[in-house]
Amino acid sequence: MLNKLLAPLDGTPLAEAGLLWAEKAAQRSGASVHLLTVVDPSLSDFETHYKQAEAYLQSRRDQLKNKGLTVKMEVAAGEPAQTILERAENVDLTVVSSGTVRWLISAVLDRVLEKMTRPIVVVRASAIQPAVPELDRILVAVDRSDYSGDILPVIQGLAKAFQASVTVCHAVPPLTDNYGRQTQTHATSAAASIHEANLFVARAAKRLQDEGIEVETIVAVGDPPGQIVNAAQKSRAGLIALTTRGRDHLDSRLVGSTANAVLHSTRLPCLLTRRAPLSAGFGGARSRITSR
């Protein structure tokens, strides 16, 4: 079940993109919303910033409460990234905006992505009117790594909470020789890879179908980030879900990875989970898909 959502806000209008997604998710699932703003205590005019943040959060809390949602607000004094990470440990899902004035490609957002241990949704902010979040279909990208299946319990929980269907997608990288040419040998290997991929996604789909979730599968050949984005468009998904490697440093974990490429090439919100055991609260026990 999805019971608690964390929505960190930095006081900028563009951060409302994440809040809009959190609002729609809470309406669909019945989850409560925890609004959070963090004020750096080292600021010379800390008291002024604190009061401004409090007034801002009160207005957003009242707006959500008027829509029938259960809302908690908190203005915390501390280091923003660390405070967000600490609060995220006590909720089922954290929703953040990328593209805000203060947090875009900043130490705060980078560190949250680097150190996260709980599922997080990254919503692309825009200066134009934000689109209404679509929660009816989730595309989950899986690969043959031993941690890819970690995301399935999370997707199971979200799909049930949103009453959403799921598309399971696997992209098979093209097989070429050292000069980028496809040979007969590579073509034969590619056919075998596609067959194995179909069996692989079918096993993943069955795990979800056994829980009563409507599932379709897509196997595509080509550059994985591009194929994932294309599959999301074709399936009319409103959310792309991926598992990140979970290394210690952001540069080696996310930058240059499939997750990072997808984040930068789609306007759709992206759900990221890290390679780590999930608590029993959201999504149940850790799951693994094997390639056998």
C-alpha atoms as a PDB file:
ATOM      1  CA  MET A   1       0.000   0.000   0.000  1.00  0.00           C
ATOM      2  CA  LEU A   2       0.977   3.610  -0.563  1.00  0.00           C
ATOM      3  CA  ASN A   3       0.340   5.397   2.724  1.00  0.00           C
ATOM      4  CA  LYS A   4       2.703   8.376   2.943  1.00  0.00           C
ATOM      5  CA  LEU A   5       4.125  10.756   0.332  1.00  0.00           C
ATOM      6  CA  LEU A   6       6.914  13.268   0.947  1.00  0.00           C
ATOM      7  CA  ALA A   7       6.859  16.452  -1.152  1.00  0.00           C
ATOM      8  CA  PRO A   8       9.936  18.647  -0.553  1.00  0.00           C
ATOM      9  CA  LEU A   9       9.408  22.211  -1.785  1.00  0.00           C
ATOM     10  CA  ASP A  10      12.035  24.917  -2.205  1.00  0.00           C
ATOM     11  CA  GLY A  11       9.609  27.852  -2.406  1.00  0.00           C
ATOM     12  CA  THR A  12       9.868  28.325  -6.172  1.00  0.00           C
ATOM     13  CA  PRO A  13       6.806  28.122  -8.441  1.00  0.00           C
ATOM     14  CA  LEU A  14       8.440  25.453 -10.603  1.00  0.00           C
ATOM     15  CA  ALA A  15       8.649  23.125  -7.600  1.00  0.00           C
ATOM     16  CA  GLU A  16       4.865  22.925  -7.782  1.00  0.00           C
ATOM     17  CA  ALA A  17       5.259  20.383 -10.605  1.00  0.00           C
ATOM     18  CA  GLY A  18       6.247  17.797  -8.026  1.00  0.00           C
ATOM     19  CA  LEU A  19       3.494  18.938  -5.699  1.00  0.00           C
ATOM     20  CA  LEU A  20       0.903  18.538  -8.464  1.00  0.00           C
ATOM     21  CA  TRP A  21       2.041  14.946  -9.034  1.00  0.00           C
ATOM     22  CA  ALA A  22       1.990  14.214  -5.299  1.00  0.00           C
ATOM     23  CA  GLU A  23      -1.513  15.670  -5.047  1.00  0.00           C
ATOM     24  CA  LYS A  24      -2.847  13.473  -7.856  1.00  0.00           C
ATOM     25  CA  ALA A  25      -1.108  10.407  -6.410  1.00  0.00           C
ATOM     26  CA  ALA A  26      -2.587  11.080  -2.967  1.00  0.00           C
ATOM     27  CA  GLN A  27      -6.064  11.545  -4.407  1.00  0.00           C
ATOM     28  CA  ARG A  28      -5.808   8.281  -6.302  1.00  0.00           C
ATOM     29  CA  SER A  29      -4.308   6.227  -3.468  1.00  0.00           C
ATOM     30  CA  GLY A  30      -5.640   7.842  -0.310  1.00  0.00           C
ATOM     31  CA  ALA A  31      -2.100   8.479   0.925  1.00  0.00           C
ATOM     32  CA  SER A  32      -1.265  11.370   3.225  1.00  0.00           C
ATOM     33  CA  VAL A  33       1.124  14.108   2.092  1.00  0.00           C
ATOM     34  CA  HIS A  34       4.083  15.431   4.085  1.00  0.00           C
ATOM     35  CA  LEU A  35       5.099  18.889   2.857  1.00  0.00           C
ATOM     36  CA  LEU A  36       8.679  19.831   3.701  1.00  0.00           C
ATOM     37  CA  THR A  37      10.764  22.948   3.307  1.00  0.00           C
ATOM     38  CA  VAL A  38      14.292  23.135   4.688  1.00  0.00           C
ATOM     39  CA  VAL A  39      15.888  26.409   5.746  1.00  0.00           C
ATOM     40  CA  ASP A  40      19.644  26.664   6.175  1.00  0.00           C
ATOM     41  CA  PRO A  41      20.295  27.891   9.766  1.00  0.00           C
ATOM     42  CA  SER A  42      23.561  29.509   8.681  1.00  0.00           C
ATOM     43  CA  LEU A  43      21.680  32.201   6.735  1.00  0.00           C
ATOM     44  CA  SER A  44      22.137  35.659   8.223  1.00  0.00           C
ATOM     45  CA  ASP A  45      18.387  36.351   7.949  1.00  0.00           C
ATOM     46  CA  PHE A  46      17.343  32.846   9.002  1.00  0.00           C
ATOM     47  CA  GLU A  47      14.287  33.969  10.990  1.00  0.00           C
ATOM     48  CA  THR A  48      12.876  35.851   7.999  1.00  0.00           C
ATOM     49  CA  HIS A  49      13.407  32.903   5.675  1.00  0.00           C
ATOM     50  CA  TYR A  50      11.856  30.558   8.225  1.00  0.00           C
ATOM     51  CA  LYS A  51       8.696  32.657   8.594  1.00  0.00           C
ATOM     52  CA  GLN A  52       8.373  33.010   4.820  1.00  0.00           C
ATOM     53  CA  ALA A  53       8.724  29.254   4.377  1.00  0.00           C
ATOM     54  CA  GLU A  54       6.140  28.632   7.076  1.00  0.00           C
ATOM     55  CA  ALA A  55       3.616  30.946   5.447  1.00  0.00           C
ATOM     56  CA  TYR A  56       4.248  29.361   2.061  1.00  0.00           C
ATOM     57  CA  LEU A  57       3.748  25.812   3.329  1.00  0.00           C
ATOM     58  CA  GLN A  58       0.624  26.798   5.263  1.00  0.00           C
ATOM     59  CA  SER A  59      -0.953  28.085   2.062  1.00  0.00           C
ATOM     60  CA  ARG A  60      -0.096  24.865   0.174  1.00  0.00           C
ATOM     61  CA  ARG A  61      -1.288  22.728   3.064  1.00  0.00           C
ATOM     62  CA  ASP A  62      -4.616  24.546   3.172  1.00  0.00           C
ATOM     63  CA  GLN A  63      -5.079  24.122  -0.585  1.00  0.00           C
ATOM     64  CA  LEU A  64      -4.581  20.374  -0.328  1.00  0.00           C
ATOM     65  CA  LYS A  65      -6.753  20.037   2.755  1.00  0.00           C
ATOM     66  CA  ASN A  66      -9.563  21.852   0.947  1.00  0.00           C
ATOM     67  CA  LYS A  67      -9.391  19.043  -1.650  1.00  0.00           C
ATOM     68  CA  GLY A  68      -9.960  16.444   1.037  1.00  0.00           C
ATOM     69  CA  LEU A  69      -6.357  15.293   1.497  1.00  0.00           C
ATOM     70  CA  THR A  70      -4.589  14.502   4.751  1.00  0.00           C
ATOM     71  CA  VAL A  71      -1.598  16.841   4.953  1.00  0.00           C
ATOM     72  CA  LYS A  72       1.272  17.428   7.358  1.00  0.00           C
ATOM     73  CA  MET A  73       3.672  20.344   6.965  1.00  0.00           C
ATOM     74  CA  GLU A  74       7.152  20.868   8.345  1.00  0.00           C
ATOM     75  CA  VAL A  75       9.652  23.676   8.109  1.00  0.00           C
ATOM     76  CA  ALA A  76      12.983  22.224   9.202  1.00  0.00           C
ATOM     77  CA  ALA A  77      16.242  23.942  10.016  1.00  0.00           C
ATOM     78  CA  GLY A  78      19.196  22.041   8.648  1.00  0.00           C
ATOM     79  CA  GLU A  79      21.165  20.964   5.603  1.00  0.00           C
ATOM     80  CA  PRO A  80      18.541  20.500   2.844  1.00  0.00           C
ATOM     81  CA  ALA A  81      19.717  17.259   1.211  1.00  0.00           C
ATOM     82  CA  GLN A  82      20.395  15.440   4.471  1.00  0.00           C
ATOM     83  CA  THR A  83      17.065  16.543   5.935  1.00  0.00           C
ATOM     84  CA  ILE A  84      15.160  15.363   2.867  1.00  0.00           C
ATOM     85  CA  LEU A  85      16.947  12.007   2.959  1.00  0.00           C
ATOM     86  CA  GLU A  86      16.144  11.571   6.647  1.00  0.00           C
ATOM     87  CA  ARG A  87      12.442  12.343   6.154  1.00  0.00           C
ATOM     88  CA  ALA A  88      12.325  10.100   3.071  1.00  0.00           C
ATOM     89  CA  GLU A  89      13.198   7.095   5.233  1.00  0.00           C
ATOM     90  CA  ASN A  90       9.845   7.431   7.001  1.00  0.00           C
ATOM     91  CA  VAL A  91       7.585   7.603   3.941  1.00  0.00           C
ATOM     92  CA  ASP A  92       6.715   5.274   1.080  1.00  0.00           C
ATOM     93  CA  LEU A  93       7.515   7.618  -1.787  1.00  0.00           C
ATOM     94  CA  THR A  94       9.285  10.960  -2.218  1.00  0.00           C
ATOM     95  CA  VAL A  95       8.345  13.305  -5.068  1.00  0.00           C
ATOM     96  CA  VAL A  96      10.823  15.974  -6.204  1.00  0.00           C
ATOM     97  CA  SER A  97      10.971  18.432  -9.085  1.00  0.00           C
ATOM     98  CA  SER A  98      13.955  18.794 -11.388  1.00  0.00           C
ATOM     99  CA  GLY A  99      14.300  22.111 -13.146  1.00  0.00           C
ATOM    100  CA  THR A 100      13.571  24.361 -10.191  1.00  0.00           C
ATOM    101  CA  VAL A 101      15.626  27.513  -9.838  1.00  0.00           C
ATOM    102  CA  ARG A 102      17.301  26.450  -6.612  1.00  0.00           C
ATOM    103  CA  TRP A 103      17.614  22.707  -7.061  1.00  0.00           C
ATOM    104  CA  LEU A 104      18.301  22.209 -10.772  1.00  0.00           C
ATOM    105  CA  ILE A 105      21.644  20.378 -11.192  1.00  0.00           C
ATOM    106  CA  SER A 106      22.390  21.459  -7.634  1.00  0.00           C
ATOM    107  CA  ALA A 107      24.168  19.846  -4.744  1.00  0.00           C
ATOM    108  CA  VAL A 108      20.798  19.294  -3.068  1.00  0.00           C
ATOM    109  CA  LEU A 109      19.083  17.323  -5.814  1.00  0.00           C
ATOM    110  CA  ASP A 110      22.289  15.547  -6.824  1.00  0.00           C
ATOM    111  CA  ARG A 111      22.914  14.359  -3.286  1.00  0.00           C
ATOM    112  CA  VAL A 112      19.322  13.233  -2.797  1.00  0.00           C
ATOM    113  CA  LEU A 113      19.571  11.122  -5.954  1.00  0.00           C
ATOM    114  CA  GLU A 114      23.002   9.854  -4.957  1.00  0.00           C
ATOM    115  CA  LYS A 115      22.148   8.778  -1.423  1.00  0.00           C
ATOM    116  CA  MET A 116      18.505   7.775  -1.725  1.00  0.00           C
ATOM    117  CA  THR A 117      17.505   4.376  -0.353  1.00  0.00           C
ATOM    118  CA  ARG A 118      13.743   4.704  -0.831  1.00  0.00           C
ATOM    119  CA  PRO A 119      11.744   5.098  -4.080  1.00  0.00           C
ATOM    120  CA  ILE A 120      11.725   8.609  -5.515  1.00  0.00           C
ATOM    121  CA  VAL A 121       9.729  10.204  -8.344  1.00  0.00           C
ATOM    122  CA  VAL A 122      11.475  12.950 -10.319  1.00  0.00           C
ATOM    123  CA  VAL A 123       9.044  15.296 -12.073  1.00  0.00           C
ATOM    124  CA  ARG A 124      10.353  17.583 -14.799  1.00  0.00           C
ATOM    125  CA  ALA A 125       9.358  21.168 -14.079  1.00  0.00           C
ATOM    126  CA  SER A 126       8.429  23.595 -16.821  1.00  0.00           C
ATOM    127  CA  ALA A 127       7.783  27.310 -17.095  1.00  0.00           C
ATOM    128  CA  ILE A 128       4.651  26.562 -19.117  1.00  0.00           C
ATOM    129  CA  GLN A 129       1.402  25.266 -17.669  1.00  0.00           C
ATOM    130  CA  PRO A 130       2.210  21.859 -16.126  1.00  0.00           C
ATOM    131  CA  ALA A 131       0.425  18.845 -17.539  1.00  0.00           C
ATOM    132  CA  VAL A 132      -2.069  16.997 -15.379  1.00  0.00           C
ATOM    133  CA  PRO A 133      -0.331  13.841 -14.106  1.00  0.00           C
ATOM    134  CA  GLU A 134      -1.450  10.585 -15.716  1.00  0.00           C
ATOM    135  CA  LEU A 135      -1.429   7.608 -13.365  1.00  0.00           C
ATOM    136  CA  ASP A 136      -3.383   5.007 -15.357  1.00  0.00           C
ATOM    137  CA  ARG A 137      -0.351   3.223 -16.867  1.00  0.00           C
ATOM    138  CA  ILE A 138       3.193   2.699 -15.598  1.00  0.00           C
ATOM    139  CA  LEU A 139       6.069   1.602 -17.811  1.00  0.00           C
ATOM    140  CA  VAL A 140       8.736  -0.330 -15.925  1.00  0.00           C
ATOM    141  CA  ALA A 141      12.088  -0.906 -17.618  1.00  0.00           C
ATOM    142  CA  VAL A 142      13.871  -4.115 -16.643  1.00  0.00           C
ATOM    143  CA  ASP A 143      17.190  -5.540 -17.778  1.00  0.00           C
ATOM    144  CA  ARG A 144      19.174  -8.704 -17.194  1.00  0.00           C
ATOM    145  CA  SER A 145      21.092  -7.376 -14.193  1.00  0.00           C
ATOM    146  CA  ASP A 146      20.656  -9.208 -10.906  1.00  0.00           C
ATOM    147  CA  TYR A 147      19.075  -6.163  -9.253  1.00  0.00           C
ATOM    148  CA  SER A 148      16.576  -5.177 -11.937  1.00  0.00           C
ATOM    149  CA  GLY A 149      13.779  -7.127 -10.282  1.00  0.00           C
ATOM    150  CA  ASP A 150      14.111  -5.031  -7.114  1.00  0.00           C
ATOM    151  CA  ILE A 151      11.688  -2.540  -8.599  1.00  0.00           C
ATOM    152  CA  LEU A 152       8.829  -5.007  -9.103  1.00  0.00           C
ATOM    153  CA  PRO A 153       7.501  -4.891  -5.510  1.00  0.00           C
ATOM    154  CA  VAL A 154       7.404  -1.093  -5.769  1.00  0.00           C
ATOM    155  CA  ILE A 155       5.531  -1.237  -9.077  1.00  0.00           C
ATOM    156  CA  GLN A 156       3.141  -3.781  -7.638  1.00  0.00           C
ATOM    157  CA  GLY A 157       2.335  -1.427  -4.767  1.00  0.00           C
ATOM    158  CA  LEU A 158       1.925   1.611  -7.015  1.00  0.00           C
ATOM    159  CA  ALA A 159      -0.191  -0.204  -9.596  1.00  0.00           C
ATOM    160  CA  LYS A 160      -2.573  -1.371  -6.888  1.00  0.00           C
ATOM    161  CA  ALA A 161      -2.670   2.027  -5.195  1.00  0.00           C
ATOM    162  CA  PHE A 162      -3.376   3.852  -8.470  1.00  0.00           C
ATOM    163  CA  GLN A 163      -5.435   1.034 -10.029  1.00  0.00           C
ATOM    164  CA  ALA A 164      -3.035   1.327 -12.934  1.00  0.00           C
ATOM    165  CA  SER A 165      -1.960  -1.109 -15.623  1.00  0.00           C
ATOM    166  CA  VAL A 166       1.720  -1.833 -16.256  1.00  0.00           C
ATOM    167  CA  THR A 167       3.910  -2.171 -19.330  1.00  0.00           C
ATOM    168  CA  VAL A 168       7.077  -4.219 -18.758  1.00  0.00           C
ATOM    169  CA  CYS A 169       9.787  -3.138 -21.201  1.00  0.00           C
ATOM    170  CA  HIS A 170      13.179  -4.622 -21.999  1.00  0.00           C
ATOM    171  CA  ALA A 171      15.529  -3.133 -24.592  1.00  0.00           C
ATOM    172  CA  VAL A 172      18.032  -5.437 -26.274  1.00  0.00           C
ATOM    173  CA  PRO A 173      21.154  -3.468 -27.363  1.00  0.00           C
ATOM    174  CA  PRO A 174      21.988  -4.048 -31.047  1.00  0.00           C
ATOM    175  CA  LEU A 175      24.773  -6.562 -31.645  1.00  0.00           C
ATOM    176  CA  THR A 176      27.472  -5.344 -34.016  1.00  0.00           C
ATOM    177  CA  ASP A 177      31.095  -6.029 -34.823  1.00  0.00           C
ATOM    178  CA  ASN A 178      33.979  -3.705 -33.987  1.00  0.00           C
ATOM    179  CA  TYR A 179      33.053  -1.472 -36.930  1.00  0.00           C
ATOM    180  CA  GLY A 180      29.395  -1.125 -36.006  1.00  0.00           C
ATOM    181  CA  ARG A 181      28.254  -3.548 -38.729  1.00  0.00           C
ATOM    182  CA  GLN A 182      25.729  -6.296 -38.188  1.00  0.00           C
ATOM    183  CA  THR A 183      26.976  -9.676 -39.383  1.00  0.00           C
ATOM    184  CA  GLN A 184      25.161 -12.959 -39.838  1.00  0.00           C
ATOM    185  CA  THR A 185      26.686 -14.211 -36.610  1.00  0.00           C
ATOM    186  CA  HIS A 186      25.494 -11.136 -34.788  1.00  0.00           C
ATOM    187  CA  ALA A 187      22.065 -11.393 -36.391  1.00  0.00           C
ATOM    188  CA  THR A 188      21.754 -14.976 -35.155  1.00  0.00           C
ATOM    189  CA  SER A 189      22.856 -13.923 -31.678  1.00  0.00           C
ATOM    190  CA  ALA A 190      20.384 -11.060 -31.758  1.00  0.00           C
ATOM    191  CA  ALA A 191      17.526 -13.446 -32.556  1.00  0.00           C
ATOM    192  CA  ALA A 192      18.520 -15.580 -29.576  1.00  0.00           C
ATOM    193  CA  SER A 193      18.768 -12.487 -27.367  1.00  0.00           C
ATOM    194  CA  ILE A 194      15.293 -11.356 -28.393  1.00  0.00           C
ATOM    195  CA  HIS A 195      13.873 -14.815 -27.647  1.00  0.00           C
ATOM    196  CA  GLU A 196      15.495 -14.805 -24.207  1.00  0.00           C
ATOM    197  CA  ALA A 197      14.266 -11.252 -23.601  1.00  0.00           C
ATOM    198  CA  ASN A 198      10.690 -12.252 -24.385  1.00  0.00           C
ATOM    199  CA  LEU A 199      10.910 -15.073 -21.866  1.00  0.00           C
ATOM    200  CA  PHE A 200      12.487 -12.692 -19.356  1.00  0.00           C
ATOM    201  CA  VAL A 201       9.776 -10.017 -19.552  1.00  0.00           C
ATOM    202  CA  ALA A 202       7.077 -12.700 -19.534  1.00  0.00           C
ATOM    203  CA  ARG A 203       8.366 -13.900 -16.155  1.00  0.00           C
ATOM    204  CA  ALA A 204       8.391 -10.349 -14.841  1.00  0.00           C
ATOM    205  CA  ALA A 205       4.870  -9.769 -16.149  1.00  0.00           C
ATOM    206  CA  LYS A 206       3.600 -12.940 -14.517  1.00  0.00           C
ATOM    207  CA  ARG A 207       4.756 -11.745 -11.102  1.00  0.00           C
ATOM    208  CA  LEU A 208       2.505  -8.718 -11.510  1.00  0.00           C
ATOM    209  CA  GLN A 209      -0.345 -10.571 -13.169  1.00  0.00           C
ATOM    210  CA  ASP A 210      -0.428 -13.002 -10.265  1.00  0.00           C
ATOM    211  CA  GLU A 211      -1.311  -9.977  -8.118  1.00  0.00           C
ATOM    212  CA  GLY A 212      -4.269  -9.092 -10.344  1.00  0.00           C
ATOM    213  CA  ILE A 213      -2.487  -6.314 -12.260  1.00  0.00           C
ATOM    214  CA  GLU A 214      -3.128  -5.812 -15.979  1.00  0.00           C
ATOM    215  CA  VAL A 215       0.206  -6.138 -17.777  1.00  0.00           C
ATOM    216  CA  GLU A 216       1.543  -5.916 -21.306  1.00  0.00           C
ATOM    217  CA  THR A 217       5.130  -6.497 -22.433  1.00  0.00           C
ATOM    218  CA  ILE A 218       7.435  -4.813 -24.930  1.00  0.00           C
ATOM    219  CA  VAL A 219      10.790  -6.087 -26.186  1.00  0.00           C
ATOM    220  CA  ALA A 220      12.678  -3.639 -28.401  1.00  0.00           C
ATOM    221  CA  VAL A 221      16.072  -3.703 -30.093  1.00  0.00           C
ATOM    222  CA  GLY A 222      18.220  -0.593 -30.013  1.00  0.00           C
ATOM    223  CA  ASP A 223      19.715   1.988 -27.705  1.00  0.00           C
ATOM    224  CA  PRO A 224      18.042   1.240 -24.337  1.00  0.00           C
ATOM    225  CA  PRO A 225      17.269   4.828 -23.227  1.00  0.00           C
ATOM    226  CA  GLY A 226      15.712   5.713 -26.567  1.00  0.00           C
ATOM    227  CA  GLN A 227      13.752   2.480 -26.728  1.00  0.00           C
ATOM    228  CA  ILE A 228      12.443   2.963 -23.189  1.00  0.00           C
ATOM    229  CA  VAL A 229      11.227   6.476 -23.976  1.00  0.00           C
ATOM    230  CA  ASN A 230       9.652   5.296 -27.252  1.00  0.00           C
ATOM    231  CA  ALA A 231       7.931   2.413 -25.480  1.00  0.00           C
ATOM    232  CA  ALA A 232       6.523   4.799 -22.881  1.00  0.00           C
ATOM    233  CA  GLN A 233       5.082   6.989 -25.626  1.00  0.00           C
ATOM    234  CA  LYS A 234       3.603   4.059 -27.536  1.00  0.00           C
ATOM    235  CA  SER A 235       2.023   2.559 -24.448  1.00  0.00           C
ATOM    236  CA  ARG A 236       0.767   5.984 -23.303  1.00  0.00           C
ATOM    237  CA  ALA A 237       2.425   5.565 -19.930  1.00  0.00           C
ATOM    238  CA  GLY A 238       2.324   8.428 -17.472  1.00  0.00           C
ATOM    239  CA  LEU A 239       5.308   7.251 -15.446  1.00  0.00           C
ATOM    240  CA  ILE A 240       8.600   5.535 -16.310  1.00  0.00           C
ATOM    241  CA  ALA A 241      10.114   3.334 -13.602  1.00  0.00           C
ATOM    242  CA  LEU A 242      13.784   2.305 -13.511  1.00  0.00           C
ATOM    243  CA  THR A 243      16.291   0.806 -11.103  1.00  0.00           C
ATOM    244  CA  THR A 244      19.615   2.596 -10.647  1.00  0.00           C
ATOM    245  CA  ARG A 245      22.914   0.909  -9.833  1.00  0.00           C
ATOM    246  CA  GLY A 246      23.238   2.336  -6.353  1.00  0.00           C
ATOM    247  CA  ARG A 247      26.973   3.027  -6.331  1.00  0.00           C
ATOM    248  CA  ASP A 248      28.496   5.432  -3.868  1.00  0.00           C
ATOM    249  CA  HIS A 249      29.084   8.385  -6.174  1.00  0.00           C
ATOM    250  CA  LEU A 250      26.555  10.087  -8.387  1.00  0.00           C
ATOM    251  CA  ASP A 251      28.987  10.472 -11.291  1.00  0.00           C
ATOM    252  CA  SER A 252      29.557   6.716 -11.483  1.00  0.00           C
ATOM    253  CA  ARG A 253      26.026   5.704 -10.558  1.00  0.00           C
ATOM    254  CA  LEU A 254      23.679   7.931 -12.504  1.00  0.00           C
ATOM    255  CA  VAL A 255      25.515  10.183 -14.941  1.00  0.00           C
ATOM    256  CA  GLY A 256      25.938   8.353 -18.233  1.00  0.00           C
ATOM    257  CA  SER A 257      23.628   5.564 -17.130  1.00  0.00           C
ATOM    258  CA  THR A 258      20.376   4.471 -18.724  1.00  0.00           C
ATOM    259  CA  ALA A 259      18.433   6.140 -15.908  1.00  0.00           C
ATOM    260  CA  ASN A 260      20.202   9.456 -16.437  1.00  0.00           C
ATOM    261  CA  ALA A 261      19.699   9.303 -20.216  1.00  0.00           C
ATOM    262  CA  VAL A 262      15.996   8.601 -19.783  1.00  0.00           C
ATOM    263  CA  LEU A 263      15.624  11.425 -17.257  1.00  0.00           C
ATOM    264  CA  HIS A 264      17.153  13.872 -19.721  1.00  0.00           C
ATOM    265  CA  SER A 265      15.210  12.734 -22.783  1.00  0.00           C
ATOM    266  CA  THR A 266      11.627  12.497 -21.543  1.00  0.00           C
ATOM    267  CA  ARG A 267       9.117  14.914 -20.118  1.00  0.00           C
ATOM    268  CA  LEU A 268       7.444  12.088 -18.223  1.00  0.00           C
ATOM    269  CA  PRO A 269       7.957  11.704 -14.488  1.00  0.00           C
ATOM    270  CA  CYS A 270      10.476   8.983 -13.638  1.00  0.00           C
ATOM    271  CA  LEU A 271      10.374   6.674 -10.645  1.00  0.00           C
ATOM    272  CA  LEU A 272      13.844   5.625  -9.486  1.00  0.00           C
ATOM    273  CA  THR A 273      14.678   2.868  -7.054  1.00  0.00           C
ATOM    274  CA  ARG A 274      18.137   2.026  -5.833  1.00  0.00           C
ATOM    275  CA  ARG A 275      19.750  -1.381  -5.531  1.00  0.00           C
ATOM    276  CA  ALA A 276      18.919  -2.012  -1.903  1.00  0.00           C
ATOM    277  CA  PRO A 277      16.506  -4.212   0.077  1.00  0.00           C
ATOM    278  CA  LEU A 278      13.110  -2.581   0.489  1.00  0.00           C
ATOM    279  CA  SER A 279      11.413  -2.444   3.856  1.00  0.00           C
ATOM    280  CA  ALA A 280       8.220  -4.405   4.307  1.00  0.00           C
ATOM    281  CA  GLY A 281       6.164  -1.216   4.373  1.00  0.00           C
ATOM    282  CA  PHE A 282       5.925  -0.395   0.696  1.00  0.00           C
ATOM    283  CA  GLY A 283       6.043  -3.079  -1.942  1.00  0.00           C
ATOM    284  CA  GLY A 284       6.817  -5.965   0.396  1.00  0.00           C
ATOM    285  CA  ALA A 285       9.963  -8.058   0.282  1.00  0.00           C
ATOM    286  CA  ARG A 286      12.769  -7.673  -2.219  1.00  0.00           C
ATOM    287  CA  SER A 287      12.139  -9.448  -5.505  1.00  0.00           C
ATOM    288  CA  ARG A 288      14.549 -10.759  -8.120  1.00  0.00           C
ATOM    289  CA  ILE A 289      14.106 -11.930 -11.674  1.00  0.00           C
ATOM    290  CA  THR A 290      16.624 -14.463 -12.882  1.00  0.00           C
ATOM    291  CA  SER A 291      17.551 -14.994 -16.486  1.00  0.00           C
ATOM    292  CA  ARG A 292      17.248 -18.739 -16.218  1.00  0.00           C
END
